[in-house]
Amino acid sequence: MILNTVKEHWLGLRYRDQRAIILMALIIVPLLVFYLAIAPLNQSVIQATSLQVQRQTLHDWMYSVGLEAKAKLQTPKEIARQPITNEQQLSALVLRVAGQAGIIVQKYERDNDGGIRVWFDDVQFDGLMRFVAVLSDNDVVPQSFTVDAGKTLGAVQARGVWSVQSL
């Protein structure tokens, strides 16, 4: 019924009007297909590719840090294991290990319980983990330790109280 009405109306149009409508349809239909189907699909492909690149970059970084950590475990320790008897030795050890790990101590102070409070701002996470591992090998353990995201990729902000492990 509706189709018949449309057909009658179409046949009632002049030849020139029919050609103009056909031409507009030939222009509008591909544009609609492009903007409603192809463009959104293309955008989702771009987003998926970007996500894949980010994940691959993260994977590569994690793999390289893992290899570095494995190599560090297989090499002799950088600092000879010596018993720590006072806070001055503890401070010196913490600062020396931080320097060897390539991180800068933002601030440090003695703690009331015989430990040392240490602040790090925007240090690389892998350097911080090397710092923790070497201190742990020297029986210096964190009493409290907080790690937050830093301002750049791979960087962290850390705060901690370190003391000699009592046996």
N, C-alpha and C. Protein backbone atom coordinates (compact mmCIF):
# COMPACT_ATOMS: atom_id res chain seq x y z
N MET A 1 0.82 -1.18 0.00
CA MET A 1 0.00 0.00 0.00
C MET A 1 0.87 1.26 0.00
N ILE A 2 1.77 1.36 0.95
CA ILE A 2 2.65 2.52 1.00
C ILE A 2 3.57 2.50 -0.21
N LEU A 3 4.01 1.32 -0.59
CA LEU A 3 4.89 1.19 -1.75
C LEU A 3 4.21 1.69 -3.01
N ASN A 4 2.95 1.37 -3.17
CA ASN A 4 2.19 1.84 -4.34
C ASN A 4 2.08 3.36 -4.34
N THR A 5 1.86 3.96 -3.18
CA THR A 5 1.75 5.41 -3.08
C THR A 5 3.08 6.06 -3.46
N VAL A 6 4.17 5.50 -2.98
CA VAL A 6 5.50 6.04 -3.30
C VAL A 6 5.77 5.88 -4.79
N LYS A 7 5.40 4.73 -5.36
CA LYS A 7 5.62 4.47 -6.79
C LYS A 7 4.83 5.47 -7.64
N GLU A 8 3.59 5.72 -7.27
CA GLU A 8 2.77 6.68 -8.01
C GLU A 8 3.35 8.09 -7.91
N HIS A 9 3.81 8.44 -6.74
CA HIS A 9 4.40 9.76 -6.57
C HIS A 9 5.68 9.88 -7.40
N TRP A 10 6.47 8.82 -7.43
CA TRP A 10 7.72 8.81 -8.21
C TRP A 10 7.42 9.00 -9.69
N LEU A 11 6.43 8.27 -10.17
CA LEU A 11 6.10 8.38 -11.59
C LEU A 11 5.49 9.74 -11.93
N GLY A 12 4.92 10.42 -10.95
CA GLY A 12 4.33 11.74 -11.16
C GLY A 12 5.39 12.85 -11.23
N LEU A 13 6.63 12.55 -10.82
CA LEU A 13 7.70 13.56 -10.87
C LEU A 13 8.22 13.72 -12.29
N ARG A 14 8.75 14.89 -12.58
CA ARG A 14 9.35 15.10 -13.88
C ARG A 14 10.67 14.32 -13.94
N TYR A 15 11.14 14.07 -15.14
CA TYR A 15 12.37 13.31 -15.38
C TYR A 15 13.57 13.99 -14.71
N ARG A 16 13.63 15.29 -14.80
CA ARG A 16 14.72 16.05 -14.21
C ARG A 16 14.73 15.91 -12.68
N ASP A 17 13.58 15.92 -12.03
CA ASP A 17 13.48 15.77 -10.58
C ASP A 17 13.90 14.36 -10.15
N GLN A 18 13.49 13.35 -10.96
CA GLN A 18 13.88 11.98 -10.64
C GLN A 18 15.40 11.83 -10.66
N ARG A 19 16.04 12.41 -11.68
CA ARG A 19 17.51 12.33 -11.80
C ARG A 19 18.19 13.07 -10.63
N ALA A 20 17.64 14.18 -10.21
CA ALA A 20 18.22 14.93 -9.09
C ALA A 20 18.14 14.12 -7.80
N ILE A 21 17.02 13.43 -7.58
CA ILE A 21 16.86 12.60 -6.39
C ILE A 21 17.82 11.41 -6.43
N ILE A 22 17.97 10.79 -7.59
CA ILE A 22 18.90 9.67 -7.74
C ILE A 22 20.33 10.13 -7.47
N LEU A 23 20.71 11.29 -7.99
CA LEU A 23 22.04 11.83 -7.77
C LEU A 23 22.29 12.12 -6.29
N MET A 24 21.31 12.72 -5.62
CA MET A 24 21.45 13.00 -4.19
C MET A 24 21.59 11.69 -3.41
N ALA A 25 20.82 10.66 -3.78
CA ALA A 25 20.90 9.37 -3.11
C ALA A 25 22.28 8.74 -3.30
N LEU A 26 22.83 8.88 -4.53
CA LEU A 26 24.17 8.33 -4.80
C LEU A 26 25.26 9.05 -4.00
N ILE A 27 25.02 10.28 -3.62
CA ILE A 27 25.99 11.02 -2.81
C ILE A 27 25.76 10.77 -1.32
N ILE A 28 24.53 10.80 -0.88
CA ILE A 28 24.21 10.71 0.55
C ILE A 28 24.40 9.29 1.11
N VAL A 29 24.00 8.27 0.38
CA VAL A 29 24.08 6.90 0.89
C VAL A 29 25.53 6.49 1.21
N PRO A 30 26.51 6.72 0.32
CA PRO A 30 27.89 6.37 0.69
C PRO A 30 28.41 7.18 1.88
N LEU A 31 28.01 8.46 1.96
CA LEU A 31 28.43 9.26 3.09
C LEU A 31 27.86 8.71 4.40
N LEU A 32 26.59 8.33 4.37
CA LEU A 32 25.97 7.74 5.57
C LEU A 32 26.66 6.43 5.96
N VAL A 33 26.94 5.60 4.98
CA VAL A 33 27.63 4.33 5.27
C VAL A 33 29.00 4.60 5.88
N PHE A 34 29.71 5.58 5.31
CA PHE A 34 31.04 5.90 5.83
C PHE A 34 30.97 6.42 7.27
N TYR A 35 30.13 7.41 7.51
CA TYR A 35 30.09 8.03 8.84
C TYR A 35 29.39 7.19 9.90
N LEU A 36 28.49 6.30 9.51
CA LEU A 36 27.79 5.49 10.49
C LEU A 36 28.41 4.12 10.71
N ALA A 37 29.22 3.64 9.77
CA ALA A 37 29.78 2.29 9.91
C ALA A 37 31.31 2.28 9.83
N ILE A 38 31.87 2.81 8.78
CA ILE A 38 33.30 2.68 8.55
C ILE A 38 34.11 3.54 9.53
N ALA A 39 33.74 4.78 9.74
CA ALA A 39 34.50 5.66 10.64
C ALA A 39 34.53 5.13 12.08
N PRO A 40 33.41 4.70 12.67
CA PRO A 40 33.48 4.14 14.03
C PRO A 40 34.34 2.87 14.11
N LEU A 41 34.26 2.03 13.08
CA LEU A 41 35.10 0.83 13.07
C LEU A 41 36.57 1.20 12.99
N ASN A 42 36.88 2.18 12.16
CA ASN A 42 38.27 2.62 12.04
C ASN A 42 38.77 3.19 13.36
N GLN A 43 37.95 3.94 14.05
CA GLN A 43 38.35 4.51 15.34
C GLN A 43 38.60 3.42 16.38
N SER A 44 37.77 2.39 16.39
CA SER A 44 37.98 1.30 17.35
C SER A 44 39.25 0.52 17.03
N VAL A 45 39.57 0.39 15.75
CA VAL A 45 40.82 -0.28 15.37
C VAL A 45 42.02 0.54 15.82
N ILE A 46 41.94 1.85 15.67
CA ILE A 46 43.03 2.73 16.10
C ILE A 46 43.22 2.64 17.61
N GLN A 47 42.13 2.64 18.37
CA GLN A 47 42.22 2.53 19.82
C GLN A 47 42.79 1.18 20.23
N ALA A 48 42.37 0.12 19.58
CA ALA A 48 42.88 -1.21 19.91
C ALA A 48 44.37 -1.31 19.60
N THR A 49 44.79 -0.72 18.50
CA THR A 49 46.20 -0.73 18.14
C THR A 49 47.02 0.06 19.16
N SER A 50 46.51 1.20 19.57
CA SER A 50 47.20 2.02 20.57
C SER A 50 47.33 1.26 21.90
N LEU A 51 46.27 0.60 22.31
CA LEU A 51 46.29 -0.18 23.54
C LEU A 51 47.30 -1.32 23.44
N GLN A 52 47.35 -1.97 22.28
CA GLN A 52 48.30 -3.06 22.07
C GLN A 52 49.73 -2.56 22.15
N VAL A 53 50.00 -1.39 21.57
CA VAL A 53 51.35 -0.81 21.63
C VAL A 53 51.72 -0.49 23.08
N GLN A 54 50.79 0.08 23.84
CA GLN A 54 51.06 0.38 25.25
C GLN A 54 51.35 -0.89 26.03
N ARG A 55 50.56 -1.91 25.80
CA ARG A 55 50.77 -3.18 26.51
C ARG A 55 52.10 -3.81 26.13
N GLN A 56 52.45 -3.75 24.86
CA GLN A 56 53.73 -4.31 24.41
C GLN A 56 54.90 -3.55 25.02
N THR A 57 54.78 -2.23 25.10
CA THR A 57 55.83 -1.41 25.71
C THR A 57 55.99 -1.77 27.18
N LEU A 58 54.88 -1.90 27.88
CA LEU A 58 54.92 -2.29 29.29
C LEU A 58 55.53 -3.68 29.45
N HIS A 59 55.14 -4.60 28.59
CA HIS A 59 55.68 -5.96 28.64
C HIS A 59 57.18 -5.95 28.41
N ASP A 60 57.65 -5.20 27.42
CA ASP A 60 59.08 -5.12 27.13
C ASP A 60 59.85 -4.54 28.32
N TRP A 61 59.27 -3.49 28.94
CA TRP A 61 59.92 -2.89 30.09
C TRP A 61 60.00 -3.87 31.25
N MET A 62 58.89 -4.56 31.52
CA MET A 62 58.86 -5.53 32.62
C MET A 62 59.85 -6.67 32.35
N TYR A 63 59.95 -7.10 31.10
CA TYR A 63 60.87 -8.18 30.74
C TYR A 63 62.31 -7.74 30.97
N SER A 64 62.63 -6.50 30.55
CA SER A 64 64.01 -6.03 30.71
C SER A 64 64.35 -5.85 32.20
N VAL A 65 63.39 -5.36 33.00
CA VAL A 65 63.63 -5.22 34.43
C VAL A 65 63.80 -6.59 35.07
N GLY A 66 63.02 -7.56 34.61
CA GLY A 66 63.16 -8.93 35.14
C GLY A 66 64.52 -9.51 34.82
N LEU A 67 65.00 -9.30 33.60
CA LEU A 67 66.33 -9.80 33.24
C LEU A 67 67.41 -9.11 34.07
N GLU A 68 67.23 -7.81 34.29
CA GLU A 68 68.20 -7.06 35.09
C GLU A 68 68.20 -7.57 36.53
N ALA A 69 67.02 -7.81 37.08
CA ALA A 69 66.93 -8.32 38.45
C ALA A 69 67.55 -9.71 38.55
N LYS A 70 67.33 -10.53 37.56
CA LYS A 70 67.91 -11.87 37.55
C LYS A 70 69.43 -11.79 37.50
N ALA A 71 69.94 -10.87 36.67
CA ALA A 71 71.39 -10.69 36.59
C ALA A 71 71.95 -10.20 37.91
N LYS A 72 71.24 -9.29 38.58
CA LYS A 72 71.70 -8.78 39.87
C LYS A 72 71.75 -9.90 40.92
N LEU A 73 70.80 -10.81 40.85
CA LEU A 73 70.79 -11.91 41.82
C LEU A 73 71.95 -12.87 41.58
N GLN A 74 72.42 -12.94 40.33
CA GLN A 74 73.49 -13.88 40.00
C GLN A 74 74.88 -13.26 40.17
N THR A 75 74.96 -11.95 40.40
CA THR A 75 76.25 -11.29 40.59
C THR A 75 76.54 -11.15 42.07
N PRO A 76 77.81 -11.03 42.45
CA PRO A 76 78.15 -10.82 43.87
C PRO A 76 77.54 -9.53 44.39
N LYS A 77 77.28 -9.49 45.66
CA LYS A 77 76.67 -8.32 46.27
C LYS A 77 77.63 -7.13 46.19
N GLU A 78 77.08 -5.94 46.01
CA GLU A 78 77.88 -4.74 45.85
C GLU A 78 78.49 -4.28 47.17
N ILE A 79 77.83 -4.56 48.25
CA ILE A 79 78.30 -4.11 49.56
C ILE A 79 78.55 -5.34 50.43
N ALA A 80 79.74 -5.38 51.01
CA ALA A 80 80.05 -6.51 51.88
C ALA A 80 79.13 -6.49 53.09
N ARG A 81 78.74 -7.66 53.50
CA ARG A 81 77.81 -7.77 54.62
C ARG A 81 78.57 -7.51 55.91
N GLN A 82 78.22 -6.42 56.57
CA GLN A 82 78.85 -6.05 57.83
C GLN A 82 77.76 -5.76 58.85
N PRO A 83 77.95 -6.18 60.06
CA PRO A 83 76.92 -5.88 61.07
C PRO A 83 76.85 -4.38 61.34
N ILE A 84 75.63 -3.89 61.47
CA ILE A 84 75.41 -2.48 61.73
C ILE A 84 75.15 -2.33 63.23
N THR A 85 75.95 -1.46 63.86
CA THR A 85 75.87 -1.35 65.31
C THR A 85 75.26 -0.04 65.79
N ASN A 86 75.19 1.00 64.92
CA ASN A 86 74.62 2.26 65.39
C ASN A 86 73.87 2.95 64.25
N GLU A 87 73.18 4.05 64.63
CA GLU A 87 72.36 4.77 63.64
C GLU A 87 73.21 5.44 62.57
N GLN A 88 74.43 5.84 62.91
CA GLN A 88 75.29 6.50 61.93
C GLN A 88 75.68 5.51 60.83
N GLN A 89 75.98 4.28 61.20
CA GLN A 89 76.30 3.26 60.19
C GLN A 89 75.07 2.96 59.34
N LEU A 90 73.91 2.93 59.96
CA LEU A 90 72.67 2.69 59.22
C LEU A 90 72.44 3.82 58.21
N SER A 91 72.60 5.07 58.63
CA SER A 91 72.43 6.20 57.72
C SER A 91 73.42 6.12 56.56
N ALA A 92 74.66 5.82 56.87
CA ALA A 92 75.69 5.75 55.82
C ALA A 92 75.36 4.63 54.83
N LEU A 93 74.92 3.49 55.34
CA LEU A 93 74.59 2.37 54.46
C LEU A 93 73.41 2.72 53.56
N VAL A 94 72.37 3.32 54.13
CA VAL A 94 71.18 3.68 53.34
C VAL A 94 71.55 4.66 52.24
N LEU A 95 72.34 5.67 52.57
CA LEU A 95 72.72 6.67 51.57
C LEU A 95 73.64 6.07 50.49
N ARG A 96 74.57 5.20 50.90
CA ARG A 96 75.47 4.57 49.93
C ARG A 96 74.71 3.65 48.98
N VAL A 97 73.81 2.85 49.53
CA VAL A 97 73.03 1.93 48.69
C VAL A 97 72.12 2.72 47.75
N ALA A 98 71.53 3.80 48.23
CA ALA A 98 70.68 4.64 47.36
C ALA A 98 71.50 5.18 46.19
N GLY A 99 72.71 5.66 46.48
CA GLY A 99 73.57 6.16 45.41
C GLY A 99 73.92 5.08 44.40
N GLN A 100 74.21 3.88 44.88
CA GLN A 100 74.56 2.78 43.98
C GLN A 100 73.36 2.33 43.16
N ALA A 101 72.16 2.49 43.71
CA ALA A 101 70.95 2.11 42.98
C ALA A 101 70.52 3.20 42.00
N GLY A 102 71.21 4.34 42.05
CA GLY A 102 70.90 5.43 41.12
C GLY A 102 69.68 6.25 41.51
N ILE A 103 69.38 6.29 42.80
CA ILE A 103 68.24 7.09 43.25
C ILE A 103 68.72 8.15 44.23
N ILE A 104 67.99 9.23 44.28
CA ILE A 104 68.35 10.36 45.13
C ILE A 104 67.42 10.38 46.34
N VAL A 105 68.03 10.43 47.51
CA VAL A 105 67.26 10.54 48.75
C VAL A 105 66.83 12.00 48.89
N GLN A 106 65.53 12.24 48.88
CA GLN A 106 65.01 13.60 48.99
C GLN A 106 65.25 14.16 50.39
N LYS A 107 65.02 13.32 51.40
CA LYS A 107 65.14 13.75 52.78
C LYS A 107 65.30 12.51 53.63
N TYR A 108 66.05 12.64 54.71
CA TYR A 108 66.13 11.55 55.67
C TYR A 108 66.35 12.12 57.06
N GLU A 109 65.90 11.38 58.06
CA GLU A 109 66.08 11.79 59.45
C GLU A 109 66.03 10.55 60.33
N ARG A 110 66.57 10.67 61.49
CA ARG A 110 66.57 9.54 62.44
C ARG A 110 65.18 9.36 63.02
N ASP A 111 64.86 8.12 63.28
CA ASP A 111 63.57 7.77 63.86
C ASP A 111 63.77 7.55 65.36
N ASN A 112 62.73 7.72 66.13
CA ASN A 112 62.82 7.55 67.58
C ASN A 112 63.13 6.12 68.00
N ASP A 113 62.80 5.16 67.15
CA ASP A 113 63.00 3.75 67.50
C ASP A 113 64.33 3.20 67.01
N GLY A 114 65.28 4.07 66.66
CA GLY A 114 66.59 3.60 66.23
C GLY A 114 66.70 3.35 64.74
N GLY A 115 65.71 3.71 63.99
CA GLY A 115 65.75 3.53 62.55
C GLY A 115 66.03 4.84 61.84
N ILE A 116 65.77 4.85 60.56
CA ILE A 116 65.96 6.06 59.76
C ILE A 116 64.75 6.22 58.84
N ARG A 117 64.19 7.43 58.81
CA ARG A 117 63.08 7.75 57.92
C ARG A 117 63.67 8.27 56.61
N VAL A 118 63.16 7.77 55.48
CA VAL A 118 63.71 8.14 54.18
C VAL A 118 62.56 8.53 53.26
N TRP A 119 62.74 9.62 52.50
CA TRP A 119 61.77 10.09 51.52
C TRP A 119 62.41 10.08 50.14
N PHE A 120 61.69 9.52 49.15
CA PHE A 120 62.13 9.54 47.76
C PHE A 120 61.02 10.16 46.93
N ASP A 121 61.37 11.08 46.02
CA ASP A 121 60.39 11.68 45.12
C ASP A 121 60.80 11.41 43.68
N ASP A 122 59.87 10.89 42.91
CA ASP A 122 60.07 10.61 41.48
C ASP A 122 61.34 9.82 41.20
N VAL A 123 61.44 8.65 41.82
CA VAL A 123 62.55 7.73 41.54
C VAL A 123 62.01 6.59 40.68
N GLN A 124 62.89 6.00 39.88
CA GLN A 124 62.48 4.88 39.04
C GLN A 124 62.20 3.67 39.93
N PHE A 125 61.12 2.98 39.59
CA PHE A 125 60.68 1.85 40.42
C PHE A 125 61.74 0.76 40.49
N ASP A 126 62.39 0.45 39.36
CA ASP A 126 63.39 -0.61 39.38
C ASP A 126 64.59 -0.24 40.25
N GLY A 127 64.99 1.03 40.27
CA GLY A 127 66.06 1.47 41.15
C GLY A 127 65.67 1.35 42.61
N LEU A 128 64.42 1.67 42.91
CA LEU A 128 63.93 1.54 44.28
C LEU A 128 63.94 0.07 44.72
N MET A 129 63.58 -0.83 43.82
CA MET A 129 63.58 -2.25 44.17
C MET A 129 65.00 -2.77 44.37
N ARG A 130 65.98 -2.27 43.59
CA ARG A 130 67.38 -2.63 43.83
C ARG A 130 67.82 -2.15 45.22
N PHE A 131 67.41 -0.94 45.57
CA PHE A 131 67.71 -0.37 46.87
C PHE A 131 67.16 -1.27 47.99
N VAL A 132 65.92 -1.67 47.87
CA VAL A 132 65.28 -2.52 48.88
C VAL A 132 65.99 -3.88 48.98
N ALA A 133 66.36 -4.45 47.83
CA ALA A 133 67.01 -5.76 47.83
C ALA A 133 68.38 -5.72 48.50
N VAL A 134 69.18 -4.72 48.20
CA VAL A 134 70.51 -4.64 48.80
C VAL A 134 70.41 -4.38 50.29
N LEU A 135 69.51 -3.50 50.71
CA LEU A 135 69.33 -3.27 52.15
C LEU A 135 68.87 -4.54 52.85
N SER A 136 67.97 -5.26 52.21
CA SER A 136 67.47 -6.50 52.79
C SER A 136 68.61 -7.52 52.95
N ASP A 137 69.53 -7.55 51.98
CA ASP A 137 70.68 -8.46 52.09
C ASP A 137 71.58 -8.09 53.26
N ASN A 138 71.52 -6.85 53.71
CA ASN A 138 72.33 -6.37 54.83
C ASN A 138 71.51 -6.30 56.12
N ASP A 139 70.42 -7.04 56.18
CA ASP A 139 69.54 -7.12 57.36
C ASP A 139 68.94 -5.78 57.75
N VAL A 140 68.75 -4.88 56.78
CA VAL A 140 68.05 -3.63 57.01
C VAL A 140 66.69 -3.76 56.35
N VAL A 141 65.65 -3.72 57.14
CA VAL A 141 64.31 -3.98 56.63
C VAL A 141 63.40 -2.79 56.90
N PRO A 142 62.37 -2.62 56.09
CA PRO A 142 61.44 -1.51 56.34
C PRO A 142 60.49 -1.84 57.49
N GLN A 143 60.32 -0.88 58.38
CA GLN A 143 59.31 -1.01 59.43
C GLN A 143 57.96 -0.55 58.90
N SER A 144 58.01 0.48 58.06
CA SER A 144 56.82 0.92 57.33
C SER A 144 57.33 1.43 55.99
N PHE A 145 56.52 1.22 54.95
CA PHE A 145 56.98 1.57 53.61
C PHE A 145 55.76 1.86 52.76
N THR A 146 55.72 3.05 52.14
CA THR A 146 54.60 3.46 51.31
C THR A 146 55.13 3.86 49.94
N VAL A 147 54.50 3.34 48.89
CA VAL A 147 54.89 3.67 47.53
C VAL A 147 53.66 4.20 46.80
N ASP A 148 53.79 5.38 46.19
CA ASP A 148 52.71 6.00 45.41
C ASP A 148 53.20 6.26 44.00
N ALA A 149 52.28 6.45 43.08
CA ALA A 149 52.64 6.75 41.70
C ALA A 149 53.37 8.08 41.63
N GLY A 150 54.36 8.14 40.75
CA GLY A 150 55.11 9.38 40.55
C GLY A 150 54.50 10.21 39.44
N LYS A 151 55.23 11.25 39.05
CA LYS A 151 54.72 12.17 38.04
C LYS A 151 54.97 11.68 36.63
N THR A 152 55.89 10.73 36.44
CA THR A 152 56.20 10.22 35.11
C THR A 152 56.03 8.71 35.08
N LEU A 153 56.00 8.14 33.89
CA LEU A 153 55.84 6.71 33.71
C LEU A 153 57.03 5.97 34.31
N GLY A 154 56.78 5.00 35.17
CA GLY A 154 57.83 4.21 35.79
C GLY A 154 58.40 4.82 37.05
N ALA A 155 58.00 6.05 37.38
CA ALA A 155 58.51 6.72 38.57
C ALA A 155 57.53 6.57 39.72
N VAL A 156 58.09 6.56 40.94
CA VAL A 156 57.26 6.44 42.13
C VAL A 156 57.73 7.43 43.19
N GLN A 157 56.87 7.66 44.16
CA GLN A 157 57.23 8.41 45.35
C GLN A 157 57.15 7.42 46.50
N ALA A 158 58.18 7.37 47.33
CA ALA A 158 58.22 6.38 48.39
C ALA A 158 58.62 7.03 49.72
N ARG A 159 58.08 6.50 50.79
CA ARG A 159 58.40 6.95 52.15
C ARG A 159 58.58 5.66 52.97
N GLY A 160 59.55 5.67 53.85
CA GLY A 160 59.72 4.47 54.66
C GLY A 160 60.57 4.71 55.88
N VAL A 161 60.40 3.84 56.84
CA VAL A 161 61.24 3.80 58.03
C VAL A 161 62.01 2.50 57.97
N TRP A 162 63.34 2.58 57.98
CA TRP A 162 64.21 1.41 57.85
C TRP A 162 64.97 1.20 59.16
N SER A 163 65.12 -0.04 59.55
CA SER A 163 65.88 -0.35 60.75
C SER A 163 66.57 -1.69 60.57
N VAL A 164 67.52 -1.95 61.47
CA VAL A 164 68.24 -3.22 61.43
C VAL A 164 67.32 -4.32 61.94
N GLN A 165 67.29 -5.42 61.20
CA GLN A 165 66.43 -6.54 61.58
C GLN A 165 66.98 -7.17 62.83
N SER A 166 66.13 -7.31 63.84
CA SER A 166 66.58 -7.95 65.09
C SER A 166 66.28 -9.44 64.99
N LEU A 167 67.27 -10.23 65.33
CA LEU A 167 67.14 -11.68 65.22
C LEU A 167 66.63 -12.29 66.47
